[in-house]
Amino acid sequence: MDRTSALKVIVDESLLARVPGYVLGLIAVPVVDVAAAAPEVDDLLTAAEDALHGLSLGKAEVSALPPIAAWRDAYRSVDVNPNRFPCAAESVLRRVAKGDRLPRINALVNLCNAVSLDSRLPVASCDVGDITGELAVRLAHGGETYLPLGAPEAPEHPEPGEVVYADAQDRAHSRRWNWRQSEVIRTDVGRRRLLLTVEAVHEGGRADVERALDRLAAALDALGAVRQRPIVLDAAEPGAELFVPELSVPELSVSEQDASVLSAPEQAVPEQSAVESAAEPSVVAG
């Protein structure tokens, strides 16, 4: 795979017409060696879980959080029942809020889950090594092929009108927006080309997405990843080309890396959304 080949990411205007406040944050990672675990990241995830446990939120309280309530409205606007298909953020918030721990998948997935739990935003690690040309967040026409996470031998087709991440080969890499992720883009250990995503639909979501991207970028530097500068897509700027050389950020030496990025923020913000782990398939953590 040519890790320098460009990938255009776009948010389709038909989706923005339904959900004009949708914000999609992106970090292209041309090269990273994904480790099975990183102790600092494991500590981050544990701290994020502990903080959420301490809030003692019930199912209804999770659903009523402003970012989650906004996602429920967004799902309804694209004719998806959020009670039957809760967004990834709501699913994982519920899971952790009731006292559970998320499975430890690998360093990148764990990092995304930790940042998501702290920020309350959906955060995903997507392996785009097999995707070229274009990746669009759009309404499905129904003919796309989706390979379920953990069951690629049982392909599915999204329902017409549901939101998917689709590539130029008409493969869908999510179902019902960020409810589930595909097998093709799951993040595994080893040398990878990744795209990290952060999503929001609530009022003020852009600022929250930018803060989460800043934290992910700093942590990626500390983990030795080769990344590009964060990009934010919205109604005003619905598309961008990633993995082009001029977007790359010089790799930091160990002495230049800020170890503080691998510590939890001083305060958690309760009005934001959460992330799905790879064990519970979603576009939000590969």
Protein backbone atom coordinates (compact mmCIF):
# COMPACT_ATOMS: atom_id res chain seq x y z
CA MET A 1 0.00 0.00 0.00
CA ASP A 2 1.29 3.45 -0.97
CA ARG A 3 1.04 5.32 2.31
CA THR A 4 1.43 8.65 0.53
CA SER A 5 -1.57 8.18 -1.80
CA ALA A 6 -4.21 10.82 -1.15
CA LEU A 7 -7.65 10.04 0.25
CA LYS A 8 -10.43 12.57 -0.20
CA VAL A 9 -12.93 12.60 2.66
CA ILE A 10 -16.26 14.31 2.09
CA VAL A 11 -19.51 14.85 3.95
CA ASP A 12 -22.33 14.68 1.42
CA GLU A 13 -24.61 17.69 1.09
CA SER A 14 -27.71 15.51 1.36
CA LEU A 15 -26.64 14.49 4.85
CA LEU A 16 -25.80 18.07 5.83
CA ALA A 17 -29.26 19.12 4.64
CA ARG A 18 -30.71 16.71 7.22
CA VAL A 19 -28.18 17.43 9.99
CA PRO A 20 -26.64 20.86 9.29
CA GLY A 21 -24.73 20.92 12.59
CA TYR A 22 -22.71 17.77 11.85
CA VAL A 23 -18.96 18.17 12.51
CA LEU A 24 -16.33 15.59 11.55
CA GLY A 25 -12.77 15.88 12.86
CA LEU A 26 -9.99 13.93 11.15
CA ILE A 27 -6.36 13.02 11.75
CA ALA A 28 -4.55 11.13 9.00
CA VAL A 29 -1.85 8.79 10.30
CA PRO A 30 0.24 7.56 7.34
CA VAL A 31 2.40 5.28 9.48
CA VAL A 32 2.04 3.92 12.99
CA ASP A 33 3.15 0.69 14.62
CA VAL A 34 0.09 -0.28 16.64
CA ALA A 35 1.17 -2.03 19.83
CA ALA A 36 -0.95 -4.52 21.70
CA ALA A 37 -0.82 -2.23 24.72
CA ALA A 38 0.78 0.93 26.07
CA PRO A 39 0.81 1.25 29.87
CA GLU A 40 0.22 5.02 29.81
CA VAL A 41 -2.81 4.58 27.56
CA ASP A 42 -4.17 1.77 29.72
CA ASP A 43 -3.90 4.08 32.72
CA LEU A 44 -5.75 6.78 30.78
CA LEU A 45 -8.60 4.45 29.93
CA THR A 46 -8.90 3.19 33.50
CA ALA A 47 -8.99 6.75 34.82
CA ALA A 48 -11.69 7.70 32.31
CA GLU A 49 -13.79 4.69 33.31
CA ASP A 50 -13.34 5.45 37.02
CA ALA A 51 -14.46 9.04 36.47
CA LEU A 52 -17.61 7.91 34.70
CA HIS A 53 -18.33 5.28 37.36
CA GLY A 54 -18.22 8.06 39.94
CA LEU A 55 -21.03 9.96 38.21
CA SER A 56 -23.51 7.10 38.79
CA LEU A 57 -25.50 7.89 35.66
CA GLY A 58 -28.53 5.78 34.81
CA LYS A 59 -29.67 4.83 31.31
CA ALA A 60 -32.12 7.72 31.06
CA GLU A 61 -29.52 10.19 32.34
CA VAL A 62 -27.04 9.06 29.69
CA SER A 63 -29.65 9.49 26.95
CA ALA A 64 -30.48 12.97 28.25
CA LEU A 65 -26.91 14.30 28.09
CA PRO A 66 -27.01 17.15 25.52
CA PRO A 67 -24.59 15.58 23.01
CA ILE A 68 -26.36 12.22 23.24
CA ALA A 69 -29.79 13.81 22.98
CA ALA A 70 -28.52 15.61 19.88
CA TRP A 71 -27.34 12.32 18.36
CA ARG A 72 -30.74 10.78 19.06
CA ASP A 73 -32.37 13.67 17.20
CA ALA A 74 -29.88 13.29 14.35
CA TYR A 75 -30.66 9.59 14.06
CA ARG A 76 -34.38 10.33 13.93
CA SER A 77 -33.74 12.89 11.18
CA VAL A 78 -32.32 10.08 9.00
CA ASP A 79 -35.15 7.70 9.96
CA VAL A 80 -33.21 5.53 12.41
CA ASN A 81 -34.77 4.59 15.74
CA PRO A 82 -32.18 5.53 18.43
CA ASN A 83 -33.87 3.24 20.95
CA ARG A 84 -33.22 0.24 18.73
CA PHE A 85 -29.94 1.49 17.28
CA PRO A 86 -28.29 3.87 19.77
CA CYS A 87 -25.26 5.68 18.46
CA ALA A 88 -21.88 4.30 19.50
CA ALA A 89 -21.43 7.07 22.03
CA GLU A 90 -24.62 6.26 23.86
CA SER A 91 -23.96 2.51 23.82
CA VAL A 92 -20.55 2.79 25.45
CA LEU A 93 -21.53 5.48 27.91
CA ARG A 94 -24.30 3.18 29.12
CA ARG A 95 -21.90 0.25 29.36
CA VAL A 96 -19.33 2.08 31.45
CA ALA A 97 -21.84 4.08 33.49
CA LYS A 98 -23.38 0.89 34.84
CA GLY A 99 -20.00 -0.17 36.21
CA ASP A 100 -18.43 -2.19 33.39
CA ARG A 101 -14.95 -1.86 31.91
CA LEU A 102 -14.24 -1.67 28.19
CA PRO A 103 -12.17 -4.49 26.68
CA ARG A 104 -8.53 -3.62 26.08
CA ILE A 105 -8.09 -4.08 22.32
CA ASN A 106 -4.78 -2.41 21.44
CA ALA A 107 -2.99 0.86 22.13
CA LEU A 108 -4.77 2.90 19.44
CA VAL A 109 -8.27 1.64 20.16
CA ASN A 110 -7.68 2.09 23.88
CA LEU A 111 -6.46 5.65 23.28
CA CYS A 112 -9.56 6.50 21.27
CA ASN A 113 -11.80 5.05 23.96
CA ALA A 114 -9.99 6.97 26.69
CA VAL A 115 -10.24 10.30 24.87
CA SER A 116 -13.85 9.59 24.02
CA LEU A 117 -14.86 8.80 27.57
CA ASP A 118 -13.17 11.97 28.83
CA SER A 119 -14.54 14.21 26.08
CA ARG A 120 -17.90 12.47 25.65
CA LEU A 121 -17.43 12.48 21.87
CA PRO A 122 -17.46 9.55 19.41
CA VAL A 123 -13.84 8.79 18.50
CA ALA A 124 -12.76 6.14 15.99
CA SER A 125 -9.58 4.56 14.73
CA CYS A 126 -10.08 3.35 11.15
CA ASP A 127 -7.56 1.35 9.13
CA VAL A 128 -7.71 2.90 5.64
CA GLY A 129 -4.85 0.92 4.16
CA ASP A 130 -7.30 -0.75 1.76
CA ILE A 131 -9.21 2.42 0.85
CA THR A 132 -8.21 4.65 -2.05
CA GLY A 133 -9.71 7.61 -3.84
CA GLU A 134 -12.61 8.78 -1.74
CA LEU A 135 -14.38 8.11 1.54
CA ALA A 136 -17.78 9.75 1.85
CA VAL A 137 -20.12 10.12 4.80
CA ARG A 138 -23.42 9.91 2.98
CA LEU A 139 -26.88 8.44 2.73
CA ALA A 140 -26.78 4.87 1.44
CA HIS A 141 -28.50 3.87 -1.79
CA GLY A 142 -28.79 0.28 -0.55
CA GLY A 143 -26.47 -1.45 -2.98
CA GLU A 144 -23.30 -0.99 -0.94
CA THR A 145 -21.56 -4.03 0.54
CA TYR A 146 -20.83 -4.04 4.27
CA LEU A 147 -18.64 -6.69 5.90
CA PRO A 148 -19.63 -6.96 9.58
CA LEU A 149 -16.92 -6.67 12.19
CA GLY A 150 -16.01 -10.18 13.27
CA ALA A 151 -18.16 -11.78 10.56
CA PRO A 152 -16.84 -10.72 7.13
CA GLU A 153 -18.10 -13.96 5.64
CA ALA A 154 -21.70 -12.70 6.09
CA PRO A 155 -21.93 -9.52 4.00
CA GLU A 156 -24.83 -7.13 4.45
CA HIS A 157 -26.35 -4.26 2.51
CA PRO A 158 -27.32 -1.06 4.31
CA GLU A 159 -30.89 0.14 4.05
CA PRO A 160 -31.48 2.96 1.55
CA GLY A 161 -31.18 6.29 3.33
CA GLU A 162 -29.13 5.18 6.33
CA VAL A 163 -25.86 7.02 6.93
CA VAL A 164 -22.69 5.14 6.00
CA TYR A 165 -19.00 5.77 5.46
CA ALA A 166 -18.66 4.57 1.84
CA ASP A 167 -15.63 4.29 -0.42
CA ALA A 168 -15.23 4.60 -4.20
CA GLN A 169 -15.73 0.83 -4.57
CA ASP A 170 -19.23 1.12 -3.08
CA ARG A 171 -18.21 -0.61 0.13
CA ALA A 172 -19.90 0.62 3.29
CA HIS A 173 -17.61 0.76 6.30
CA SER A 174 -20.26 1.56 8.88
CA ARG A 175 -23.90 0.86 9.57
CA ARG A 176 -26.35 3.49 10.78
CA TRP A 177 -23.74 6.23 10.89
CA ASN A 178 -21.54 5.22 13.85
CA TRP A 179 -23.59 2.35 15.28
CA ARG A 180 -21.25 -0.31 13.86
CA GLN A 181 -17.89 -0.43 12.11
CA SER A 182 -16.84 -2.77 9.29
CA GLU A 183 -14.26 -5.54 9.38
CA VAL A 184 -12.30 -3.79 6.61
CA ILE A 185 -11.41 -0.72 8.70
CA ARG A 186 -10.89 -2.26 12.12
CA THR A 187 -7.56 -1.35 13.74
CA ASP A 188 -5.29 -4.31 14.45
CA VAL A 189 -1.74 -4.47 15.78
CA GLY A 190 1.21 -3.93 13.45
CA ARG A 191 2.23 -1.28 10.93
CA ARG A 192 -0.90 0.59 9.83
CA ARG A 193 -2.25 3.54 7.87
CA LEU A 194 -5.04 4.99 9.97
CA LEU A 195 -7.67 7.68 9.94
CA LEU A 196 -8.86 8.89 13.34
CA THR A 197 -12.32 10.46 13.44
CA VAL A 198 -14.18 12.55 16.01
CA GLU A 199 -17.86 13.39 15.48
CA ALA A 200 -20.39 15.78 16.98
CA VAL A 201 -23.88 17.03 16.18
CA HIS A 202 -24.64 19.16 19.25
CA GLU A 203 -24.50 22.93 19.50
CA GLY A 204 -20.92 23.99 20.15
CA GLY A 205 -19.70 20.65 18.83
CA ARG A 206 -16.91 22.07 16.67
CA ALA A 207 -15.01 23.42 19.69
CA ASP A 208 -15.37 20.08 21.48
CA VAL A 209 -14.17 18.20 18.40
CA GLU A 210 -11.14 20.48 18.10
CA ARG A 211 -10.18 19.90 21.74
CA ALA A 212 -10.44 16.13 21.30
CA LEU A 213 -8.35 16.30 18.12
CA ASP A 214 -5.65 18.29 19.91
CA ARG A 215 -5.43 15.67 22.61
CA LEU A 216 -5.32 12.80 20.13
CA ALA A 217 -2.61 14.55 18.11
CA ALA A 218 -0.42 15.10 21.14
CA ALA A 219 -0.86 11.51 22.28
CA LEU A 220 -0.05 10.19 18.81
CA ASP A 221 3.19 12.18 18.91
CA ALA A 222 4.06 10.67 22.27
CA LEU A 223 3.39 7.20 20.87
CA GLY A 224 5.73 7.80 17.94
CA ALA A 225 3.12 7.89 15.17
CA VAL A 226 3.67 9.76 11.91
CA ARG A 227 0.59 11.95 11.61
CA GLN A 228 -0.78 14.91 9.72
CA ARG A 229 -2.37 18.03 11.12
CA PRO A 230 -5.99 17.74 12.27
CA ILE A 231 -8.74 18.79 9.86
CA VAL A 232 -12.37 19.60 10.65
CA LEU A 233 -15.20 19.18 8.14
CA ASP A 234 -18.61 20.82 8.46
CA ALA A 235 -21.27 22.50 6.35
CA ALA A 236 -18.91 25.35 5.50
CA GLU A 237 -16.01 23.03 4.53
CA PRO A 238 -17.46 19.60 3.68
CA GLY A 239 -14.42 17.99 2.06
CA ALA A 240 -10.65 17.67 2.30
CA GLU A 241 -7.79 15.68 0.81
CA LEU A 242 -5.71 13.76 3.34
CA PHE A 243 -2.45 11.80 3.28
CA VAL A 244 -0.76 14.43 1.10
CA PRO A 245 2.87 15.20 2.09
CA GLU A 246 2.39 18.90 2.84
CA LEU A 247 -0.01 18.05 5.67
CA SER A 248 2.55 15.97 7.55
CA VAL A 249 3.81 17.06 10.96
CA PRO A 250 7.53 16.49 11.67
CA GLU A 251 8.11 13.60 14.04
CA LEU A 252 9.06 14.72 17.55
CA SER A 253 12.04 13.39 19.43
CA VAL A 254 11.37 11.78 22.77
CA SER A 255 12.72 14.85 24.56
CA GLU A 256 10.24 17.05 22.67
CA GLN A 257 7.20 14.94 23.44
CA ASP A 258 4.96 16.24 26.20
CA ALA A 259 4.33 13.38 28.58
CA SER A 260 1.44 15.29 30.09
CA VAL A 261 -0.75 14.45 27.09
CA LEU A 262 -1.02 10.94 28.45
CA SER A 263 -2.63 12.14 31.66
CA ALA A 264 -6.33 12.69 32.13
CA PRO A 265 -7.66 16.26 31.80
CA GLU A 266 -8.25 18.19 35.00
CA GLN A 267 -12.01 18.20 34.56
CA ALA A 268 -14.32 15.96 32.56
CA VAL A 269 -17.02 17.75 30.61
CA PRO A 270 -20.34 15.96 31.26
CA GLU A 271 -22.19 17.26 28.20
CA GLN A 272 -20.44 15.27 25.49
CA SER A 273 -20.67 11.85 23.89
CA ALA A 274 -18.71 8.55 24.05
CA VAL A 275 -17.00 5.83 22.04
CA GLU A 276 -17.71 2.26 21.04
CA SER A 277 -15.03 -0.37 21.51
CA ALA A 278 -14.05 -2.82 18.82
CA ALA A 279 -15.60 -5.61 20.86
CA GLU A 280 -18.96 -3.88 20.41
CA PRO A 281 -18.67 -3.12 16.68
CA SER A 282 -18.88 0.51 15.68
CA VAL A 283 -17.34 3.08 13.44
CA VAL A 284 -16.09 4.66 16.58
CA ALA A 285 -13.22 2.47 17.54
CA GLY A 286 -11.65 0.23 15.02
